[in-house]
Amino acid sequence: MTARALTIGLVAATVAYFGLTASAAAQAQRMQTPQAQAQGPGRLVARSPDLQPIASRIEHGAVSVRNTGAAASTPSLATVNCHLPGQDGGCPEIPAALVAPYENAAYPNRLVVSIPAIPAGHVHSHALSFWDAVDWPSGSYVFEFVVDAGASNGESNEGNNTGSHTWVVP
């Protein structure tokens, strides 16, 4: 065998070795960070967030959102609509200076709360800054919630983004 043939063979073997090693490393990395989860025989589901309101926390002046999905969410908005049962309004007026941080022209007559990215399996709670300044007369108040109001997250279940809670003030 000539020196030239030996050199060509050695170069070809080196390229093949490093090419296979790089391919194997890339395959191993893909296996360590799966982008989908198996859900039963023959089913593959993409990893995605799933945002849901925790409506009852409004009684304590908190807007809370839980991410029950398999991936972190992106920042989003939550809206809250307060009204008396069977009516369009009737909740106590919040002073304009206190409600201003929660106003958004895209969602008229709603409180709008900015929700940061939420890791999978975690909850974000926002304390409404005006809550303790509001006089809540005795009666029932209905709070309706929409989380991910702007549909900024591709969720695994878009059907559970709403919720409501009736708070009975003695």
N, C-alpha and C. Protein backbone atom coordinates (compact mmCIF):
# COMPACT_ATOMS: atom_id res chain seq x y z
N MET A 1 0.86 -1.17 0.00
CA MET A 1 0.00 0.00 0.00
C MET A 1 0.90 1.22 0.00
N THR A 2 0.55 2.19 -0.78
CA THR A 2 1.36 3.39 -0.90
C THR A 2 1.07 4.33 0.26
N ALA A 3 1.98 5.24 0.47
CA ALA A 3 1.80 6.22 1.54
C ALA A 3 0.58 7.09 1.28
N ARG A 4 0.36 7.36 0.00
CA ARG A 4 -0.80 8.20 -0.35
C ARG A 4 -2.10 7.46 -0.02
N ALA A 5 -2.21 6.21 -0.37
CA ALA A 5 -3.41 5.42 -0.08
C ALA A 5 -3.62 5.30 1.43
N LEU A 6 -2.53 5.13 2.16
CA LEU A 6 -2.62 5.04 3.61
C LEU A 6 -3.11 6.35 4.21
N THR A 7 -2.63 7.48 3.69
CA THR A 7 -3.06 8.80 4.17
C THR A 7 -4.54 9.02 3.88
N ILE A 8 -4.97 8.68 2.67
CA ILE A 8 -6.39 8.84 2.31
C ILE A 8 -7.26 7.97 3.20
N GLY A 9 -6.83 6.75 3.44
CA GLY A 9 -7.59 5.85 4.32
C GLY A 9 -7.68 6.39 5.74
N LEU A 10 -6.58 6.93 6.25
CA LEU A 10 -6.56 7.49 7.59
C LEU A 10 -7.47 8.71 7.69
N VAL A 11 -7.45 9.59 6.68
CA VAL A 11 -8.32 10.76 6.66
C VAL A 11 -9.78 10.32 6.63
N ALA A 12 -10.12 9.36 5.79
CA ALA A 12 -11.50 8.88 5.69
C ALA A 12 -11.96 8.28 7.00
N ALA A 13 -11.11 7.51 7.65
CA ALA A 13 -11.47 6.90 8.94
C ALA A 13 -11.67 7.97 10.00
N THR A 14 -10.83 9.01 10.00
CA THR A 14 -10.95 10.10 10.98
C THR A 14 -12.26 10.85 10.78
N VAL A 15 -12.57 11.19 9.53
CA VAL A 15 -13.82 11.90 9.24
C VAL A 15 -15.02 11.05 9.65
N ALA A 16 -14.99 9.78 9.33
CA ALA A 16 -16.10 8.90 9.69
C ALA A 16 -16.26 8.81 11.20
N TYR A 17 -15.13 8.67 11.92
CA TYR A 17 -15.18 8.56 13.37
C TYR A 17 -15.78 9.80 14.00
N PHE A 18 -15.23 10.98 13.64
CA PHE A 18 -15.73 12.22 14.24
C PHE A 18 -17.15 12.54 13.80
N GLY A 19 -17.51 12.20 12.59
CA GLY A 19 -18.89 12.40 12.13
C GLY A 19 -19.87 11.57 12.92
N LEU A 20 -19.52 10.30 13.17
CA LEU A 20 -20.40 9.43 13.96
C LEU A 20 -20.45 9.89 15.41
N THR A 21 -19.31 10.33 15.96
CA THR A 21 -19.29 10.81 17.34
C THR A 21 -20.17 12.04 17.50
N ALA A 22 -20.08 12.99 16.57
CA ALA A 22 -20.91 14.19 16.64
C ALA A 22 -22.38 13.84 16.50
N SER A 23 -22.69 12.90 15.62
CA SER A 23 -24.07 12.47 15.44
C SER A 23 -24.60 11.81 16.71
N ALA A 24 -23.78 10.96 17.33
CA ALA A 24 -24.19 10.29 18.56
C ALA A 24 -24.39 11.29 19.69
N ALA A 25 -23.52 12.30 19.78
CA ALA A 25 -23.65 13.33 20.82
C ALA A 25 -24.93 14.14 20.63
N ALA A 26 -25.22 14.49 19.39
CA ALA A 26 -26.45 15.24 19.11
C ALA A 26 -27.67 14.41 19.46
N GLN A 27 -27.64 13.13 19.14
CA GLN A 27 -28.77 12.24 19.46
C GLN A 27 -28.94 12.13 20.97
N ALA A 28 -27.85 12.01 21.71
CA ALA A 28 -27.93 11.92 23.17
C ALA A 28 -28.50 13.18 23.76
N GLN A 29 -28.12 14.35 23.23
CA GLN A 29 -28.64 15.61 23.73
C GLN A 29 -30.13 15.72 23.47
N ARG A 30 -30.60 15.30 22.29
CA ARG A 30 -32.02 15.33 22.00
C ARG A 30 -32.79 14.42 22.94
N MET A 31 -32.21 13.31 23.31
CA MET A 31 -32.89 12.37 24.19
C MET A 31 -32.98 12.92 25.61
N GLN A 32 -32.02 13.77 26.02
CA GLN A 32 -32.03 14.32 27.36
C GLN A 32 -33.03 15.46 27.52
N THR A 33 -33.40 16.12 26.45
CA THR A 33 -34.33 17.24 26.53
C THR A 33 -35.53 16.98 25.62
N PRO A 34 -36.41 16.07 26.03
CA PRO A 34 -37.54 15.74 25.16
C PRO A 34 -38.49 16.91 25.02
N GLN A 35 -39.04 17.08 23.85
CA GLN A 35 -40.00 18.13 23.59
C GLN A 35 -41.42 17.60 23.60
N ALA A 36 -41.58 16.33 23.86
CA ALA A 36 -42.90 15.72 23.91
C ALA A 36 -42.89 14.63 24.96
N GLN A 37 -44.08 14.29 25.43
CA GLN A 37 -44.22 13.25 26.44
C GLN A 37 -45.15 12.17 25.90
N ALA A 38 -44.82 10.92 26.21
CA ALA A 38 -45.70 9.82 25.83
C ALA A 38 -46.91 9.83 26.75
N GLN A 39 -48.08 9.70 26.20
CA GLN A 39 -49.32 9.67 26.96
C GLN A 39 -50.10 8.41 26.58
N GLY A 40 -49.66 7.29 27.04
CA GLY A 40 -50.34 6.03 26.73
C GLY A 40 -49.81 5.46 25.43
N PRO A 41 -50.26 4.26 25.10
CA PRO A 41 -49.76 3.59 23.90
C PRO A 41 -50.07 4.36 22.62
N GLY A 42 -49.03 4.66 21.87
CA GLY A 42 -49.22 5.30 20.58
C GLY A 42 -49.58 6.77 20.62
N ARG A 43 -49.59 7.41 21.80
CA ARG A 43 -49.95 8.82 21.90
C ARG A 43 -48.74 9.63 22.31
N LEU A 44 -48.52 10.73 21.64
CA LEU A 44 -47.43 11.63 21.94
C LEU A 44 -48.02 13.03 22.07
N VAL A 45 -47.76 13.70 23.19
CA VAL A 45 -48.33 15.01 23.45
C VAL A 45 -47.20 16.01 23.65
N ALA A 46 -47.29 17.15 22.97
CA ALA A 46 -46.27 18.18 23.11
C ALA A 46 -46.28 18.77 24.51
N ARG A 47 -45.11 19.13 25.00
CA ARG A 47 -45.00 19.79 26.30
C ARG A 47 -45.49 21.22 26.15
N SER A 48 -46.45 21.60 26.96
CA SER A 48 -46.98 22.96 26.88
C SER A 48 -47.55 23.36 28.23
N PRO A 49 -47.73 24.66 28.44
CA PRO A 49 -48.32 25.13 29.70
C PRO A 49 -49.82 24.88 29.71
N ASP A 50 -50.41 24.97 30.88
CA ASP A 50 -51.86 24.88 31.04
C ASP A 50 -52.24 25.78 32.22
N LEU A 51 -52.73 26.98 31.92
CA LEU A 51 -53.03 27.97 32.95
C LEU A 51 -54.48 27.89 33.40
N GLN A 52 -54.67 27.96 34.72
CA GLN A 52 -56.01 27.89 35.32
C GLN A 52 -56.11 28.89 36.46
N PRO A 53 -57.26 29.56 36.59
CA PRO A 53 -57.42 30.48 37.72
C PRO A 53 -57.70 29.71 39.01
N ILE A 54 -57.28 30.29 40.12
CA ILE A 54 -57.66 29.79 41.45
C ILE A 54 -58.61 30.85 41.98
N ALA A 55 -59.86 30.73 41.60
CA ALA A 55 -60.85 31.79 41.78
C ALA A 55 -61.14 32.15 43.24
N SER A 56 -61.14 31.19 44.14
CA SER A 56 -61.53 31.46 45.52
C SER A 56 -60.57 32.40 46.25
N ARG A 57 -59.37 32.56 45.76
CA ARG A 57 -58.40 33.44 46.44
C ARG A 57 -58.75 34.91 46.35
N ILE A 58 -59.74 35.24 45.51
CA ILE A 58 -60.16 36.64 45.41
C ILE A 58 -60.72 37.14 46.74
N GLU A 59 -61.25 36.26 47.57
CA GLU A 59 -61.78 36.66 48.87
C GLU A 59 -60.70 37.30 49.74
N HIS A 60 -59.46 37.01 49.44
CA HIS A 60 -58.33 37.58 50.19
C HIS A 60 -57.60 38.64 49.38
N GLY A 61 -58.22 39.08 48.28
CA GLY A 61 -57.65 40.14 47.46
C GLY A 61 -56.51 39.67 46.57
N ALA A 62 -56.51 38.40 46.20
CA ALA A 62 -55.44 37.86 45.36
C ALA A 62 -56.01 37.30 44.06
N VAL A 63 -55.31 37.56 42.97
CA VAL A 63 -55.59 36.94 41.68
C VAL A 63 -54.49 35.90 41.51
N SER A 64 -54.88 34.62 41.51
CA SER A 64 -53.91 33.54 41.46
C SER A 64 -54.12 32.69 40.23
N VAL A 65 -52.99 32.29 39.62
CA VAL A 65 -53.01 31.47 38.41
C VAL A 65 -52.07 30.29 38.63
N ARG A 66 -52.55 29.10 38.30
CA ARG A 66 -51.76 27.87 38.44
C ARG A 66 -51.41 27.36 37.05
N ASN A 67 -50.16 26.92 36.87
CA ASN A 67 -49.74 26.28 35.63
C ASN A 67 -49.66 24.78 35.89
N THR A 68 -50.66 24.05 35.43
CA THR A 68 -50.68 22.60 35.60
C THR A 68 -50.10 21.88 34.40
N GLY A 69 -49.53 22.62 33.47
CA GLY A 69 -48.96 22.03 32.26
C GLY A 69 -47.58 21.43 32.50
N ALA A 70 -46.98 20.97 31.41
CA ALA A 70 -45.68 20.30 31.46
C ALA A 70 -44.54 21.22 31.04
N ALA A 71 -44.84 22.49 30.79
CA ALA A 71 -43.80 23.46 30.39
C ALA A 71 -44.13 24.81 30.99
N ALA A 72 -43.13 25.65 31.09
CA ALA A 72 -43.33 27.01 31.61
C ALA A 72 -44.20 27.81 30.65
N SER A 73 -44.99 28.71 31.22
CA SER A 73 -45.80 29.61 30.39
C SER A 73 -44.98 30.83 30.01
N THR A 74 -45.51 31.62 29.11
CA THR A 74 -44.93 32.92 28.81
C THR A 74 -45.76 33.95 29.58
N PRO A 75 -45.27 35.18 29.72
CA PRO A 75 -46.07 36.20 30.41
C PRO A 75 -47.44 36.36 29.73
N SER A 76 -48.44 36.66 30.54
CA SER A 76 -49.80 36.76 30.02
C SER A 76 -50.61 37.74 30.85
N LEU A 77 -51.89 37.83 30.55
CA LEU A 77 -52.81 38.70 31.29
C LEU A 77 -53.94 37.87 31.86
N ALA A 78 -54.41 38.28 33.03
CA ALA A 78 -55.61 37.70 33.63
C ALA A 78 -56.61 38.84 33.81
N THR A 79 -57.88 38.56 33.52
CA THR A 79 -58.92 39.58 33.71
C THR A 79 -59.88 39.11 34.79
N VAL A 80 -60.45 40.09 35.49
CA VAL A 80 -61.42 39.82 36.54
C VAL A 80 -62.61 40.75 36.33
N ASN A 81 -63.79 40.17 36.33
CA ASN A 81 -65.03 40.93 36.22
C ASN A 81 -65.83 40.70 37.49
N CYS A 82 -66.17 41.77 38.18
CA CYS A 82 -66.96 41.69 39.41
C CYS A 82 -68.37 42.21 39.12
N HIS A 83 -69.37 41.46 39.60
CA HIS A 83 -70.76 41.91 39.46
C HIS A 83 -71.63 41.23 40.51
N LEU A 84 -72.80 41.80 40.72
CA LEU A 84 -73.78 41.17 41.60
C LEU A 84 -74.44 40.02 40.83
N PRO A 85 -74.90 38.99 41.52
CA PRO A 85 -75.55 37.87 40.83
C PRO A 85 -76.70 38.35 39.95
N GLY A 86 -76.71 37.92 38.71
CA GLY A 86 -77.78 38.27 37.77
C GLY A 86 -77.72 39.68 37.23
N GLN A 87 -76.66 40.43 37.52
CA GLN A 87 -76.54 41.80 37.04
C GLN A 87 -75.24 41.98 36.26
N ASP A 88 -75.12 43.12 35.60
CA ASP A 88 -73.89 43.42 34.87
C ASP A 88 -72.86 44.15 35.73
N GLY A 89 -73.26 44.76 36.78
CA GLY A 89 -72.35 45.52 37.63
C GLY A 89 -72.80 45.40 39.07
N GLY A 90 -72.52 46.43 39.85
CA GLY A 90 -73.00 46.46 41.23
C GLY A 90 -71.92 46.29 42.28
N CYS A 91 -70.69 46.07 41.87
CA CYS A 91 -69.61 45.97 42.85
C CYS A 91 -69.23 47.37 43.31
N PRO A 92 -68.62 47.48 44.48
CA PRO A 92 -68.21 48.80 44.96
C PRO A 92 -67.26 49.48 43.98
N GLU A 93 -67.37 50.80 43.90
CA GLU A 93 -66.49 51.58 43.04
C GLU A 93 -65.10 51.62 43.68
N ILE A 94 -64.12 51.44 42.85
CA ILE A 94 -62.73 51.53 43.29
C ILE A 94 -62.23 52.91 42.88
N PRO A 95 -61.62 53.66 43.80
CA PRO A 95 -61.12 54.98 43.43
C PRO A 95 -60.22 54.92 42.19
N ALA A 96 -60.38 55.88 41.31
CA ALA A 96 -59.67 55.90 40.02
C ALA A 96 -58.15 55.78 40.19
N ALA A 97 -57.60 56.44 41.17
CA ALA A 97 -56.15 56.38 41.37
C ALA A 97 -55.69 54.97 41.74
N LEU A 98 -56.55 54.24 42.44
CA LEU A 98 -56.18 52.88 42.86
C LEU A 98 -56.39 51.83 41.77
N VAL A 99 -57.36 52.07 40.91
CA VAL A 99 -57.67 51.09 39.87
C VAL A 99 -56.84 51.30 38.60
N ALA A 100 -56.24 52.47 38.46
CA ALA A 100 -55.49 52.80 37.23
C ALA A 100 -54.46 51.74 36.83
N PRO A 101 -53.69 51.16 37.75
CA PRO A 101 -52.71 50.15 37.32
C PRO A 101 -53.35 48.87 36.75
N TYR A 102 -54.64 48.71 36.94
CA TYR A 102 -55.33 47.50 36.50
C TYR A 102 -56.24 47.75 35.30
N GLU A 103 -56.13 48.91 34.69
CA GLU A 103 -56.97 49.22 33.53
C GLU A 103 -56.22 48.92 32.24
N ASN A 104 -56.97 48.44 31.24
CA ASN A 104 -56.42 48.15 29.93
C ASN A 104 -57.56 48.34 28.93
N ALA A 105 -57.38 49.24 27.98
CA ALA A 105 -58.44 49.57 27.03
C ALA A 105 -58.92 48.35 26.23
N ALA A 106 -58.09 47.35 26.08
CA ALA A 106 -58.48 46.14 25.34
C ALA A 106 -59.50 45.31 26.12
N TYR A 107 -59.60 45.55 27.43
CA TYR A 107 -60.52 44.79 28.29
C TYR A 107 -61.33 45.77 29.14
N PRO A 108 -62.30 46.46 28.53
CA PRO A 108 -63.07 47.46 29.28
C PRO A 108 -63.88 46.82 30.41
N ASN A 109 -64.01 47.56 31.49
CA ASN A 109 -64.80 47.15 32.66
C ASN A 109 -64.28 45.86 33.29
N ARG A 110 -62.99 45.62 33.18
CA ARG A 110 -62.36 44.45 33.79
C ARG A 110 -61.09 44.93 34.50
N LEU A 111 -60.76 44.24 35.59
CA LEU A 111 -59.44 44.42 36.17
C LEU A 111 -58.49 43.57 35.34
N VAL A 112 -57.34 44.10 34.99
CA VAL A 112 -56.37 43.37 34.19
C VAL A 112 -55.08 43.26 35.01
N VAL A 113 -54.63 42.02 35.21
CA VAL A 113 -53.45 41.76 36.01
C VAL A 113 -52.39 41.13 35.10
N SER A 114 -51.19 41.68 35.13
CA SER A 114 -50.07 41.10 34.38
C SER A 114 -49.54 39.89 35.14
N ILE A 115 -49.44 38.78 34.44
CA ILE A 115 -48.96 37.53 35.03
C ILE A 115 -47.60 37.21 34.39
N PRO A 116 -46.56 37.05 35.20
CA PRO A 116 -45.26 36.70 34.62
C PRO A 116 -45.24 35.25 34.15
N ALA A 117 -44.15 34.84 33.53
CA ALA A 117 -43.99 33.43 33.16
C ALA A 117 -44.09 32.59 34.43
N ILE A 118 -44.80 31.48 34.33
CA ILE A 118 -44.98 30.59 35.48
C ILE A 118 -44.38 29.23 35.13
N PRO A 119 -43.43 28.74 35.94
CA PRO A 119 -42.87 27.41 35.67
C PRO A 119 -43.95 26.33 35.80
N ALA A 120 -43.75 25.22 35.12
CA ALA A 120 -44.69 24.10 35.20
C ALA A 120 -44.86 23.68 36.67
N GLY A 121 -46.11 23.48 37.06
CA GLY A 121 -46.41 23.03 38.42
C GLY A 121 -46.40 24.12 39.47
N HIS A 122 -46.27 25.37 39.09
CA HIS A 122 -46.21 26.47 40.06
C HIS A 122 -47.44 27.37 39.97
N VAL A 123 -47.56 28.24 40.98
CA VAL A 123 -48.65 29.19 41.09
C VAL A 123 -48.07 30.60 41.20
N HIS A 124 -48.72 31.55 40.54
CA HIS A 124 -48.38 32.96 40.74
C HIS A 124 -49.60 33.64 41.36
N SER A 125 -49.38 34.37 42.45
CA SER A 125 -50.45 35.13 43.09
C SER A 125 -50.08 36.61 43.09
N HIS A 126 -51.04 37.42 42.70
CA HIS A 126 -50.87 38.87 42.70
C HIS A 126 -51.84 39.47 43.71
N ALA A 127 -51.31 40.20 44.69
CA ALA A 127 -52.14 40.87 45.68
C ALA A 127 -52.65 42.18 45.08
N LEU A 128 -53.96 42.32 45.01
CA LEU A 128 -54.56 43.55 44.47
C LEU A 128 -54.28 44.70 45.45
N SER A 129 -53.59 45.71 44.98
CA SER A 129 -53.10 46.80 45.85
C SER A 129 -54.23 47.60 46.48
N PHE A 130 -55.40 47.60 45.90
CA PHE A 130 -56.50 48.42 46.40
C PHE A 130 -57.44 47.65 47.33
N TRP A 131 -57.27 46.35 47.45
CA TRP A 131 -58.27 45.49 48.09
C TRP A 131 -58.69 45.98 49.47
N ASP A 132 -57.75 46.30 50.32
CA ASP A 132 -58.08 46.70 51.69
C ASP A 132 -58.71 48.08 51.77
N ALA A 133 -58.64 48.87 50.72
CA ALA A 133 -59.22 50.21 50.70
C ALA A 133 -60.69 50.20 50.27
N VAL A 134 -61.19 49.04 49.82
CA VAL A 134 -62.56 48.95 49.33
C VAL A 134 -63.49 48.51 50.47
N ASP A 135 -64.63 49.21 50.59
CA ASP A 135 -65.65 48.84 51.56
C ASP A 135 -66.62 47.88 50.87
N TRP A 136 -66.63 46.64 51.28
CA TRP A 136 -67.50 45.62 50.68
C TRP A 136 -68.75 45.47 51.54
N PRO A 137 -69.87 46.09 51.13
CA PRO A 137 -71.11 45.92 51.89
C PRO A 137 -71.56 44.46 51.90
N SER A 138 -72.37 44.11 52.88
CA SER A 138 -72.89 42.74 52.95
C SER A 138 -73.61 42.38 51.66
N GLY A 139 -73.45 41.15 51.23
CA GLY A 139 -74.10 40.68 50.01
C GLY A 139 -73.22 39.67 49.28
N SER A 140 -73.70 39.27 48.12
CA SER A 140 -72.97 38.31 47.28
C SER A 140 -72.36 39.03 46.09
N TYR A 141 -71.12 38.67 45.78
CA TYR A 141 -70.40 39.24 44.66
C TYR A 141 -69.86 38.10 43.81
N VAL A 142 -70.06 38.20 42.51
CA VAL A 142 -69.58 37.18 41.58
C VAL A 142 -68.33 37.73 40.90
N PHE A 143 -67.27 36.92 40.91
CA PHE A 143 -66.02 37.27 40.25
C PHE A 143 -65.78 36.25 39.13
N GLU A 144 -65.64 36.77 37.92
CA GLU A 144 -65.38 35.90 36.76
C GLU A 144 -63.96 36.17 36.28
N PHE A 145 -63.21 35.10 36.06
CA PHE A 145 -61.81 35.18 35.70
C PHE A 145 -61.57 34.62 34.30
N VAL A 146 -60.62 35.23 33.60
CA VAL A 146 -60.08 34.68 32.36
C VAL A 146 -58.56 34.79 32.48
N VAL A 147 -57.88 33.65 32.47
CA VAL A 147 -56.42 33.68 32.49
C VAL A 147 -55.92 33.48 31.06
N ASP A 148 -54.76 34.00 30.78
CA ASP A 148 -54.21 34.04 29.42
C ASP A 148 -55.23 34.69 28.49
N ALA A 149 -55.75 35.84 28.95
CA ALA A 149 -56.82 36.54 28.23
C ALA A 149 -56.44 36.91 26.80
N GLY A 150 -55.18 37.19 26.55
CA GLY A 150 -54.74 37.54 25.20
C GLY A 150 -54.31 36.35 24.38
N ALA A 151 -54.50 35.14 24.91
CA ALA A 151 -54.11 33.89 24.23
C ALA A 151 -52.65 33.92 23.79
N SER A 152 -51.76 34.35 24.68
CA SER A 152 -50.33 34.42 24.36
C SER A 152 -49.62 33.09 24.54
N ASN A 153 -50.29 32.11 25.18
CA ASN A 153 -49.70 30.80 25.41
C ASN A 153 -50.42 29.75 24.59
N GLY A 154 -49.69 28.88 23.94
CA GLY A 154 -50.28 27.72 23.28
C GLY A 154 -50.41 26.63 24.33
N GLU A 155 -51.60 26.50 24.89
CA GLU A 155 -51.79 25.61 26.03
C GLU A 155 -52.28 24.23 25.62
N SER A 156 -52.06 23.28 26.52
CA SER A 156 -52.54 21.93 26.28
C SER A 156 -54.06 21.84 26.44
N ASN A 157 -54.65 22.79 27.19
CA ASN A 157 -56.11 22.81 27.37
C ASN A 157 -56.55 24.27 27.47
N GLU A 158 -57.05 24.80 26.38
CA GLU A 158 -57.53 26.18 26.37
C GLU A 158 -58.91 26.31 27.02
N GLY A 159 -59.58 25.20 27.25
CA GLY A 159 -60.95 25.21 27.77
C GLY A 159 -61.06 25.45 29.26
N ASN A 160 -59.94 25.47 29.99
CA ASN A 160 -60.02 25.67 31.44
C ASN A 160 -59.41 27.00 31.88
N ASN A 161 -59.43 27.98 30.99
CA ASN A 161 -58.86 29.28 31.30
C ASN A 161 -59.83 30.21 32.03
N THR A 162 -61.04 29.78 32.22
CA THR A 162 -62.03 30.62 32.88
C THR A 162 -62.44 29.99 34.21
N GLY A 163 -62.95 30.84 35.06
CA GLY A 163 -63.46 30.36 36.35
C GLY A 163 -64.26 31.46 37.00
N SER A 164 -65.04 31.09 37.98
CA SER A 164 -65.81 32.10 38.71
C SER A 164 -65.89 31.71 40.18
N HIS A 165 -66.17 32.72 40.98
CA HIS A 165 -66.30 32.49 42.42
C HIS A 165 -67.33 33.48 42.95
N THR A 166 -68.24 32.99 43.78
CA THR A 166 -69.20 33.86 44.45
C THR A 166 -68.74 34.05 45.89
N TRP A 167 -68.52 35.29 46.23
CA TRP A 167 -68.07 35.63 47.57
C TRP A 167 -69.25 36.22 48.33
N VAL A 168 -69.58 35.64 49.46
CA VAL A 168 -70.67 36.13 50.29
C VAL A 168 -70.07 36.90 51.46
N VAL A 169 -70.28 38.22 51.45
CA VAL A 169 -69.75 39.08 52.50
C VAL A 169 -70.83 39.18 53.59
N PRO A 170 -70.50 38.77 54.82
CA PRO A 170 -71.52 38.81 55.89
C PRO A 170 -71.95 40.23 56.27
